[in-house]
Amino acid sequence: MVRVPLSPEQVAAGQRLGALIRTARAGRDPETVARAAGISPETLRKIEVGRIPSPSFGTVIGLCTALDMPLAAAAEAWRGTVDRRMAI
């Protein structure tokens, strides 16, 4: 199976999502957050810096739960329509 490269818009969406997650984690231990989300700390780091621009839906749900962040905030970050009141 050949993986289709992500478009620049998809990469930008992943970067926005990563920035939101990094901001929401603010000061919390990355290993603790990652384990609570059911992912490795390395995966969390890659998501936060945009190296995994399209994490799975389950991963996003796990991160939102671990960070007490509404799933809608993650969706808005992905779309580029973040409402800062919902972000954190």
N, C-alpha and C. Protein backbone atom coordinates (compact mmCIF):
# COMPACT_ATOMS: atom_id res chain seq x y z
N MET A 1 0.84 -1.18 0.00
CA MET A 1 0.00 0.00 0.00
C MET A 1 0.89 1.24 0.00
N VAL A 2 0.60 2.14 -0.88
CA VAL A 2 1.36 3.38 -0.98
C VAL A 2 0.63 4.48 -0.22
N ARG A 3 1.37 5.16 0.63
CA ARG A 3 0.78 6.23 1.41
C ARG A 3 0.79 7.51 0.58
N VAL A 4 -0.36 8.14 0.48
CA VAL A 4 -0.48 9.41 -0.25
C VAL A 4 0.08 10.52 0.64
N PRO A 5 0.97 11.34 0.11
CA PRO A 5 1.52 12.44 0.91
C PRO A 5 0.42 13.39 1.38
N LEU A 6 0.61 13.93 2.56
CA LEU A 6 -0.35 14.89 3.09
C LEU A 6 -0.21 16.21 2.35
N SER A 7 -1.31 16.89 2.20
CA SER A 7 -1.29 18.20 1.56
C SER A 7 -0.73 19.22 2.54
N PRO A 8 -0.29 20.35 2.05
CA PRO A 8 0.19 21.42 2.94
C PRO A 8 -0.89 21.83 3.96
N GLU A 9 -2.15 21.79 3.56
CA GLU A 9 -3.24 22.14 4.47
C GLU A 9 -3.36 21.12 5.59
N GLN A 10 -3.18 19.84 5.27
CA GLN A 10 -3.24 18.80 6.30
C GLN A 10 -2.07 18.92 7.27
N VAL A 11 -0.90 19.23 6.75
CA VAL A 11 0.28 19.42 7.60
C VAL A 11 0.04 20.61 8.54
N ALA A 12 -0.48 21.70 8.00
CA ALA A 12 -0.76 22.89 8.81
C ALA A 12 -1.81 22.58 9.89
N ALA A 13 -2.80 21.78 9.55
CA ALA A 13 -3.83 21.39 10.52
C ALA A 13 -3.20 20.60 11.66
N GLY A 14 -2.31 19.70 11.34
CA GLY A 14 -1.62 18.92 12.37
C GLY A 14 -0.75 19.79 13.26
N GLN A 15 -0.12 20.79 12.67
CA GLN A 15 0.69 21.72 13.46
C GLN A 15 -0.17 22.54 14.42
N ARG A 16 -1.34 22.95 13.95
CA ARG A 16 -2.26 23.69 14.84
C ARG A 16 -2.73 22.80 15.98
N LEU A 17 -3.07 21.55 15.66
CA LEU A 17 -3.51 20.62 16.70
C LEU A 17 -2.39 20.39 17.70
N GLY A 18 -1.18 20.19 17.21
CA GLY A 18 -0.04 19.98 18.10
C GLY A 18 0.21 21.16 19.01
N ALA A 19 0.09 22.36 18.47
CA ALA A 19 0.29 23.57 19.28
C ALA A 19 -0.78 23.67 20.37
N LEU A 20 -2.01 23.32 20.02
CA LEU A 20 -3.09 23.36 21.01
C LEU A 20 -2.82 22.36 22.14
N ILE A 21 -2.40 21.17 21.78
CA ILE A 21 -2.12 20.14 22.79
C ILE A 21 -0.95 20.57 23.66
N ARG A 22 0.08 21.11 23.07
CA ARG A 22 1.24 21.58 23.82
C ARG A 22 0.82 22.68 24.80
N THR A 23 -0.03 23.60 24.35
CA THR A 23 -0.51 24.68 25.21
C THR A 23 -1.38 24.12 26.34
N ALA A 24 -2.25 23.18 26.02
CA ALA A 24 -3.13 22.59 27.03
C ALA A 24 -2.34 21.79 28.07
N ARG A 25 -1.24 21.20 27.66
CA ARG A 25 -0.41 20.42 28.58
C ARG A 25 0.37 21.33 29.52
N ALA A 26 0.63 22.55 29.14
CA ALA A 26 1.36 23.59 29.88
C ALA A 26 1.84 23.18 31.26
N GLY A 27 3.08 22.77 31.33
CA GLY A 27 3.70 22.49 32.61
C GLY A 27 3.45 21.10 33.16
N ARG A 28 2.51 20.38 32.61
CA ARG A 28 2.28 19.01 33.09
C ARG A 28 3.36 18.09 32.51
N ASP A 29 3.72 17.11 33.28
CA ASP A 29 4.74 16.16 32.86
C ASP A 29 4.28 15.42 31.59
N PRO A 30 5.07 15.49 30.51
CA PRO A 30 4.64 14.85 29.26
C PRO A 30 4.44 13.34 29.40
N GLU A 31 5.26 12.69 30.21
CA GLU A 31 5.11 11.23 30.37
C GLU A 31 3.79 10.90 31.04
N THR A 32 3.41 11.67 32.04
CA THR A 32 2.15 11.44 32.74
C THR A 32 0.96 11.65 31.80
N VAL A 33 1.01 12.73 31.02
CA VAL A 33 -0.08 13.02 30.07
C VAL A 33 -0.16 11.92 29.00
N ALA A 34 0.99 11.55 28.47
CA ALA A 34 1.02 10.52 27.43
C ALA A 34 0.45 9.20 27.94
N ARG A 35 0.88 8.78 29.10
CA ARG A 35 0.39 7.51 29.66
C ARG A 35 -1.11 7.57 29.92
N ALA A 36 -1.59 8.72 30.42
CA ALA A 36 -3.03 8.88 30.66
C ALA A 36 -3.82 8.82 29.36
N ALA A 37 -3.18 9.25 28.26
CA ALA A 37 -3.84 9.25 26.95
C ALA A 37 -3.70 7.90 26.24
N GLY A 38 -2.87 7.03 26.79
CA GLY A 38 -2.68 5.71 26.19
C GLY A 38 -1.68 5.70 25.04
N ILE A 39 -0.77 6.67 25.05
CA ILE A 39 0.26 6.74 24.00
C ILE A 39 1.63 6.87 24.67
N SER A 40 2.66 6.74 23.88
CA SER A 40 4.02 6.88 24.41
C SER A 40 4.38 8.37 24.50
N PRO A 41 5.30 8.70 25.39
CA PRO A 41 5.77 10.08 25.46
C PRO A 41 6.37 10.54 24.12
N GLU A 42 7.02 9.64 23.41
CA GLU A 42 7.59 10.00 22.11
C GLU A 42 6.49 10.36 21.11
N THR A 43 5.38 9.62 21.12
CA THR A 43 4.26 9.94 20.24
C THR A 43 3.68 11.30 20.60
N LEU A 44 3.54 11.59 21.88
CA LEU A 44 3.04 12.90 22.31
C LEU A 44 3.96 14.00 21.79
N ARG A 45 5.27 13.81 21.94
CA ARG A 45 6.23 14.82 21.48
C ARG A 45 6.09 15.04 19.98
N LYS A 46 5.97 13.96 19.22
CA LYS A 46 5.84 14.08 17.77
C LYS A 46 4.55 14.80 17.38
N ILE A 47 3.48 14.53 18.09
CA ILE A 47 2.21 15.22 17.79
C ILE A 47 2.37 16.71 18.09
N GLU A 48 2.95 17.02 19.24
CA GLU A 48 3.09 18.43 19.65
C GLU A 48 3.93 19.25 18.68
N VAL A 49 4.92 18.64 18.06
CA VAL A 49 5.78 19.40 17.13
C VAL A 49 5.33 19.26 15.69
N GLY A 50 4.27 18.51 15.45
CA GLY A 50 3.73 18.39 14.10
C GLY A 50 4.33 17.29 13.26
N ARG A 51 5.14 16.42 13.85
CA ARG A 51 5.73 15.31 13.09
C ARG A 51 4.73 14.19 12.85
N ILE A 52 3.66 14.17 13.61
CA ILE A 52 2.53 13.27 13.35
C ILE A 52 1.35 14.20 13.10
N PRO A 53 1.19 14.66 11.86
CA PRO A 53 0.18 15.68 11.59
C PRO A 53 -1.25 15.15 11.54
N SER A 54 -1.42 13.83 11.53
CA SER A 54 -2.80 13.31 11.49
C SER A 54 -2.92 12.13 12.46
N PRO A 55 -2.88 12.42 13.77
CA PRO A 55 -3.03 11.34 14.74
C PRO A 55 -4.40 10.69 14.63
N SER A 56 -4.48 9.45 15.07
CA SER A 56 -5.76 8.74 14.98
C SER A 56 -6.81 9.41 15.87
N PHE A 57 -8.06 9.15 15.53
CA PHE A 57 -9.18 9.72 16.29
C PHE A 57 -9.10 9.28 17.75
N GLY A 58 -8.79 8.00 17.96
CA GLY A 58 -8.67 7.49 19.33
C GLY A 58 -7.58 8.19 20.11
N THR A 59 -6.48 8.51 19.45
CA THR A 59 -5.39 9.22 20.10
C THR A 59 -5.83 10.63 20.49
N VAL A 60 -6.54 11.29 19.61
CA VAL A 60 -7.02 12.64 19.90
C VAL A 60 -8.01 12.61 21.07
N ILE A 61 -8.89 11.64 21.07
CA ILE A 61 -9.84 11.51 22.19
C ILE A 61 -9.09 11.26 23.50
N GLY A 62 -8.10 10.37 23.46
CA GLY A 62 -7.30 10.09 24.66
C GLY A 62 -6.59 11.33 25.18
N LEU A 63 -6.02 12.11 24.27
CA LEU A 63 -5.34 13.33 24.68
C LEU A 63 -6.31 14.35 25.25
N CYS A 64 -7.46 14.51 24.60
CA CYS A 64 -8.46 15.46 25.12
C CYS A 64 -8.92 15.04 26.51
N THR A 65 -9.12 13.76 26.72
CA THR A 65 -9.54 13.27 28.03
C THR A 65 -8.44 13.51 29.06
N ALA A 66 -7.20 13.17 28.71
CA ALA A 66 -6.08 13.34 29.64
C ALA A 66 -5.85 14.80 30.00
N LEU A 67 -6.18 15.69 29.08
CA LEU A 67 -5.94 17.13 29.30
C LEU A 67 -7.20 17.88 29.74
N ASP A 68 -8.29 17.15 29.96
CA ASP A 68 -9.57 17.79 30.31
C ASP A 68 -9.92 18.89 29.32
N MET A 69 -9.75 18.57 28.04
CA MET A 69 -10.00 19.52 26.97
C MET A 69 -11.16 19.02 26.13
N PRO A 70 -12.11 19.89 25.78
CA PRO A 70 -13.22 19.45 24.95
C PRO A 70 -12.73 18.96 23.58
N LEU A 71 -13.30 17.88 23.11
CA LEU A 71 -12.96 17.36 21.78
C LEU A 71 -13.24 18.42 20.72
N ALA A 72 -14.25 19.24 20.94
CA ALA A 72 -14.57 20.31 19.98
C ALA A 72 -13.40 21.27 19.81
N ALA A 73 -12.63 21.49 20.87
CA ALA A 73 -11.47 22.38 20.76
C ALA A 73 -10.43 21.80 19.81
N ALA A 74 -10.22 20.48 19.88
CA ALA A 74 -9.28 19.82 18.97
C ALA A 74 -9.78 19.90 17.54
N ALA A 75 -11.07 19.70 17.35
CA ALA A 75 -11.65 19.77 16.00
C ALA A 75 -11.51 21.18 15.44
N GLU A 76 -11.74 22.18 16.26
CA GLU A 76 -11.62 23.57 15.80
C GLU A 76 -10.16 23.91 15.47
N ALA A 77 -9.22 23.39 16.26
CA ALA A 77 -7.81 23.63 15.95
C ALA A 77 -7.47 23.00 14.61
N TRP A 78 -7.95 21.79 14.39
CA TRP A 78 -7.69 21.09 13.13
C TRP A 78 -8.23 21.91 11.95
N ARG A 79 -9.43 22.45 12.11
CA ARG A 79 -10.06 23.23 11.03
C ARG A 79 -9.48 24.64 10.92
N GLY A 80 -8.81 25.09 11.97
CA GLY A 80 -8.26 26.44 11.94
C GLY A 80 -9.24 27.48 12.43
N THR A 81 -10.21 27.06 13.22
CA THR A 81 -11.23 27.97 13.74
C THR A 81 -11.29 27.92 15.25
N VAL A 82 -10.12 27.96 15.90
CA VAL A 82 -10.06 27.80 17.35
C VAL A 82 -10.79 28.95 18.05
N ASP A 83 -11.71 28.57 18.92
CA ASP A 83 -12.36 29.50 19.82
C ASP A 83 -11.54 29.42 21.11
N ARG A 84 -10.76 30.42 21.43
CA ARG A 84 -9.84 30.38 22.57
C ARG A 84 -10.56 30.08 23.87
N ARG A 85 -11.83 30.38 23.97
CA ARG A 85 -12.56 30.07 25.21
C ARG A 85 -12.70 28.58 25.41
N MET A 86 -12.72 27.80 24.32
CA MET A 86 -12.88 26.35 24.43
C MET A 86 -11.54 25.63 24.43
N ALA A 87 -10.47 26.31 24.08
CA ALA A 87 -9.18 25.65 23.88
C ALA A 87 -8.63 25.03 25.16
N ILE A 88 -8.83 25.68 26.27
CA ILE A 88 -8.23 25.16 27.50
C ILE A 88 -9.23 25.26 28.63
